[in-house]
């Protein structure tokens, strides 16, 4: 047996799972800029509200209904002016989409890191984003061909906090929990549930600064690893 094959057999980790938002893509920066454009457009079209207040109320609604809520601008107008003006909603949606398209790109070092990891490991996506939106993000960023499998909450009808998506990914790749590493920015969705079933975990600290969870002090995430840049994965001894 060659020495390279012996090293392959000794390697514990066989697959790396990735979240998408705030792990591969700076999702919240894109979200903030898109929402700012939407609010500005609605104000220019006649919405009578202070910009700062509108943005604050908008993100309160996102925290209440979820960051992917489809009718968020309708809910905002109903809260601000007790009725939905669909002309204003249209202005907001169009402005939002224009900025979103221009801001949808991966973090620096994502593509070269994935190229290197693919030489040694299976790589997969496990995301709570709606199925179509997850694929649109991957295709827009030209990342869709990197992954052996892509699993969204819609595919298994359970979100990551229920652990099912992780179990499905393990089953599809034919590996044990200890042979996988989950990389993500949220303790409650990426780190804790994966760790609970025996998957190794890596906290993407660089993406956690904008998510809705309270900041975690360095070294307190309870993940097996913490990284400040996705390219740090290459240096880990897995």
Protein backbone atom coordinates (compact mmCIF):
# COMPACT_ATOMS: atom_id res chain seq x y z
CA UNK A 1 0.00 0.00 0.00
CA UNK A 2 1.34 3.44 -0.93
CA UNK A 3 2.12 6.02 1.74
CA UNK A 4 -0.57 8.36 0.33
CA UNK A 5 -3.23 5.66 0.76
CA UNK A 6 -2.06 5.02 4.34
CA UNK A 7 -2.41 8.73 5.12
CA UNK A 8 -5.90 8.69 3.61
CA UNK A 9 -6.95 5.80 5.84
CA UNK A 10 -5.59 7.50 8.94
CA UNK A 11 -7.47 10.72 8.26
CA UNK A 12 -10.40 11.03 10.66
CA UNK A 13 -12.46 13.62 8.79
CA UNK A 14 -13.86 12.52 5.43
CA UNK A 15 -16.41 15.26 4.75
CA UNK A 16 -16.88 18.95 5.54
CA UNK A 17 -20.37 20.44 5.85
CA UNK A 18 -20.94 24.15 5.29
CA UNK A 19 -23.70 26.57 6.13
CA UNK A 20 -24.24 29.19 3.39
CA UNK A 21 -25.26 32.50 4.94
CA UNK A 22 -22.48 34.25 6.87
CA UNK A 23 -20.22 31.24 6.27
CA UNK A 24 -19.70 31.27 2.50
CA UNK A 25 -21.43 34.59 1.80
CA UNK A 26 -21.52 37.81 3.83
CA UNK A 27 -25.31 37.53 3.95
CA UNK A 28 -26.08 40.13 6.59
CA UNK A 29 -24.04 42.87 4.92
CA UNK A 30 -25.97 42.15 1.72
CA UNK A 31 -29.22 42.15 3.72
CA UNK A 32 -28.52 45.48 5.41
CA UNK A 33 -27.54 47.23 2.17
CA UNK A 34 -30.56 45.82 0.32
CA UNK A 35 -32.92 46.86 3.10
CA UNK A 36 -31.44 50.36 3.24
CA UNK A 37 -32.05 50.72 -0.50
CA UNK A 38 -35.62 49.45 -0.09
CA UNK A 39 -36.42 51.90 2.71
CA UNK A 40 -34.88 54.80 0.77
CA UNK A 41 -36.96 53.88 -2.29
CA UNK A 42 -40.20 53.70 -0.30
CA UNK A 43 -39.48 57.03 1.39
CA UNK A 44 -38.73 58.62 -1.98
CA UNK A 45 -42.04 57.20 -3.25
CA UNK A 46 -43.99 58.82 -0.41
CA UNK A 47 -43.61 56.79 2.78
CA UNK A 48 -43.75 59.23 5.69
CA UNK A 49 -41.28 57.86 8.23
CA UNK A 50 -37.79 58.57 9.53
CA UNK A 51 -35.25 56.31 7.80
CA UNK A 52 -33.60 55.18 11.04
CA UNK A 53 -36.92 54.21 12.60
CA UNK A 54 -38.04 52.33 9.49
CA UNK A 55 -34.85 50.26 9.41
CA UNK A 56 -35.09 49.49 13.13
CA UNK A 57 -38.71 48.35 12.77
CA UNK A 58 -37.85 46.30 9.68
CA UNK A 59 -35.17 44.28 11.47
CA UNK A 60 -37.44 43.81 14.49
CA UNK A 61 -39.89 42.17 12.11
CA UNK A 62 -37.12 40.01 10.62
CA UNK A 63 -36.26 38.81 14.13
CA UNK A 64 -39.94 38.03 14.76
CA UNK A 65 -40.85 36.38 11.44
CA UNK A 66 -37.49 35.14 10.17
CA UNK A 67 -34.83 36.61 7.93
CA UNK A 68 -36.39 35.01 4.82
CA UNK A 69 -39.92 36.36 5.38
CA UNK A 70 -41.44 36.98 1.94
CA UNK A 71 -43.95 39.68 2.91
CA UNK A 72 -41.72 41.67 5.21
CA UNK A 73 -42.41 45.03 3.52
CA UNK A 74 -46.16 44.48 3.75
CA UNK A 75 -45.77 43.77 7.45
CA UNK A 76 -43.60 46.88 7.86
CA UNK A 77 -46.12 49.19 6.21
CA UNK A 78 -48.95 47.72 8.23
CA UNK A 79 -46.99 48.43 11.39
CA UNK A 80 -45.92 51.93 10.37
CA UNK A 81 -49.10 53.25 8.77
CA UNK A 82 -51.77 50.64 9.65
CA UNK A 83 -52.29 49.70 5.99
CA UNK A 84 -50.42 48.17 3.07
CA UNK A 85 -49.74 50.42 0.09
CA UNK A 86 -48.67 47.97 -2.65
CA UNK A 87 -47.22 50.78 -4.75
CA UNK A 88 -44.74 51.47 -1.96
CA UNK A 89 -44.11 47.75 -1.51
CA UNK A 90 -43.24 47.48 -5.23
CA UNK A 91 -40.75 50.35 -4.96
CA UNK A 92 -39.14 48.64 -1.99
CA UNK A 93 -38.93 45.21 -3.61
CA UNK A 94 -37.41 46.52 -6.86
CA UNK A 95 -34.74 48.54 -5.00
CA UNK A 96 -34.02 45.59 -2.71
CA UNK A 97 -33.51 43.17 -5.61
CA UNK A 98 -31.20 45.51 -7.51
CA UNK A 99 -28.83 45.88 -4.56
CA UNK A 100 -29.09 42.22 -3.60
CA UNK A 101 -27.86 41.09 -7.02
CA UNK A 102 -24.87 43.42 -6.83
CA UNK A 103 -23.92 42.26 -3.33
CA UNK A 104 -24.27 38.50 -3.75
CA UNK A 105 -20.71 37.19 -3.79
CA UNK A 106 -18.64 34.85 -1.59
CA UNK A 107 -16.30 35.94 1.16
CA UNK A 108 -12.68 36.40 0.10
CA UNK A 109 -10.78 33.08 -0.02
CA UNK A 110 -13.92 30.91 -0.30
CA UNK A 111 -13.23 29.59 -3.81
CA UNK A 112 -9.51 28.79 -3.35
CA UNK A 113 -10.30 27.18 0.01
CA UNK A 114 -13.00 24.95 -1.52
CA UNK A 115 -10.62 23.97 -4.33
CA UNK A 116 -8.05 22.81 -1.78
CA UNK A 117 -10.56 21.03 0.45
CA UNK A 118 -12.05 19.14 -2.50
CA UNK A 119 -8.70 17.43 -3.01
CA UNK A 120 -9.06 15.65 0.35
CA UNK A 121 -12.69 15.70 1.45
CA UNK A 122 -16.28 15.41 0.36
CA UNK A 123 -17.95 18.80 0.79
CA UNK A 124 -21.62 19.47 1.41
CA UNK A 125 -24.09 22.26 2.10
CA UNK A 126 -26.53 22.07 5.02
CA UNK A 127 -28.72 25.17 5.08
CA UNK A 128 -31.98 26.34 6.61
CA UNK A 129 -32.49 28.75 3.71
CA UNK A 130 -35.48 27.98 1.47
CA UNK A 131 -34.49 25.45 -1.21
CA UNK A 132 -34.73 27.77 -4.24
CA UNK A 133 -33.02 30.67 -2.49
CA UNK A 134 -30.17 28.43 -1.39
CA UNK A 135 -29.60 27.25 -4.96
CA UNK A 136 -29.93 30.77 -6.36
CA UNK A 137 -27.21 31.96 -3.98
CA UNK A 138 -24.89 29.09 -4.85
CA UNK A 139 -25.40 29.46 -8.61
CA UNK A 140 -25.05 33.26 -8.51
CA UNK A 141 -21.75 32.88 -6.65
CA UNK A 142 -20.68 30.10 -9.06
CA UNK A 143 -20.24 27.69 -6.15
CA UNK A 144 -22.86 25.08 -7.06
CA UNK A 145 -20.43 22.64 -8.71
CA UNK A 146 -18.20 22.38 -5.64
CA UNK A 147 -20.60 20.40 -3.47
CA UNK A 148 -21.27 16.67 -3.45
CA UNK A 149 -24.67 17.19 -1.83
CA UNK A 150 -26.85 20.19 -0.91
CA UNK A 151 -29.44 19.75 1.83
CA UNK A 152 -31.97 22.42 2.78
CA UNK A 153 -34.68 22.37 5.41
CA UNK A 154 -37.29 21.89 2.67
CA UNK A 155 -35.53 18.72 1.47
CA UNK A 156 -35.93 16.99 4.84
CA UNK A 157 -38.77 19.07 6.32
CA UNK A 158 -36.70 19.85 9.39
CA UNK A 159 -34.35 22.69 10.31
CA UNK A 160 -30.82 22.16 11.58
CA UNK A 161 -31.73 22.64 15.23
CA UNK A 162 -33.73 19.40 14.95
CA UNK A 163 -30.54 17.54 13.88
CA UNK A 164 -32.27 15.71 11.00
CA UNK A 165 -30.45 17.54 8.14
CA UNK A 166 -27.10 16.46 9.61
CA UNK A 167 -28.21 12.84 9.90
CA UNK A 168 -29.45 12.85 6.30
CA UNK A 169 -26.13 14.27 5.09
CA UNK A 170 -24.19 11.58 6.95
CA UNK A 171 -26.41 8.88 5.50
CA UNK A 172 -26.13 10.18 1.93
CA UNK A 173 -22.33 10.29 2.14
CA UNK A 174 -22.08 6.97 3.97
CA UNK A 175 -19.98 8.28 6.83
CA UNK A 176 -20.05 8.28 10.64
CA UNK A 177 -20.64 11.47 12.69
CA UNK A 178 -17.02 11.61 13.85
CA UNK A 179 -15.91 11.57 10.21
CA UNK A 180 -17.60 14.91 9.45
CA UNK A 181 -16.88 18.54 10.30
CA UNK A 182 -19.62 21.19 10.35
CA UNK A 183 -18.61 24.80 9.63
CA UNK A 184 -21.07 27.55 10.53
CA UNK A 185 -21.62 30.91 12.19
CA UNK A 186 -24.51 30.08 14.54
CA UNK A 187 -24.15 28.17 17.79
CA UNK A 188 -27.83 27.17 17.97
CA UNK A 189 -28.16 26.02 14.34
CA UNK A 190 -24.69 24.87 13.28
CA UNK A 191 -22.53 24.07 16.29
CA UNK A 192 -24.74 22.71 19.10
CA UNK A 193 -26.97 20.30 17.08
CA UNK A 194 -24.07 18.93 15.04
CA UNK A 195 -21.97 18.43 18.16
CA UNK A 196 -24.88 16.71 19.91
CA UNK A 197 -24.80 13.84 17.42
CA UNK A 198 -21.01 13.50 17.39
CA UNK A 199 -20.03 15.66 14.40
CA UNK A 200 -16.88 17.74 14.80
CA UNK A 201 -17.60 21.48 14.65
CA UNK A 202 -15.91 24.65 13.51
CA UNK A 203 -17.23 28.08 14.51
CA UNK A 204 -16.98 30.63 11.69
CA UNK A 205 -16.31 33.59 13.94
CA UNK A 206 -15.90 35.93 10.96
CA UNK A 207 -19.57 35.47 10.05
CA UNK A 208 -21.04 35.62 13.54
CA UNK A 209 -20.71 39.36 14.02
CA UNK A 210 -24.00 40.18 12.28
CA UNK A 211 -26.24 37.23 13.14
CA UNK A 212 -29.12 37.45 15.60
CA UNK A 213 -27.46 35.52 18.43
CA UNK A 214 -25.57 37.17 21.25
CA UNK A 215 -21.81 37.48 20.58
CA UNK A 216 -19.79 34.55 21.89
CA UNK A 217 -16.47 35.29 23.59
CA UNK A 218 -13.43 33.83 21.89
CA UNK A 219 -12.95 30.21 22.90
CA UNK A 220 -16.46 29.96 24.43
CA UNK A 221 -18.35 28.60 21.42
CA UNK A 222 -17.78 24.97 22.56
CA UNK A 223 -16.85 24.17 18.96
CA UNK A 224 -13.85 21.94 18.32
CA UNK A 225 -12.30 24.71 16.23
CA UNK A 226 -12.77 28.44 15.70
CA UNK A 227 -11.64 30.31 12.58
CA UNK A 228 -11.36 33.99 11.70
CA UNK A 229 -11.17 33.38 7.93
CA UNK A 230 -12.45 30.47 5.88
CA UNK A 231 -8.96 29.78 4.56
CA UNK A 232 -7.95 28.84 8.13
CA UNK A 233 -9.68 25.51 7.47
CA UNK A 234 -6.77 24.46 5.28
CA UNK A 235 -4.38 24.76 8.23
CA UNK A 236 -6.45 22.65 10.62
CA UNK A 237 -5.16 19.19 11.43
CA UNK A 238 -8.26 17.13 10.68
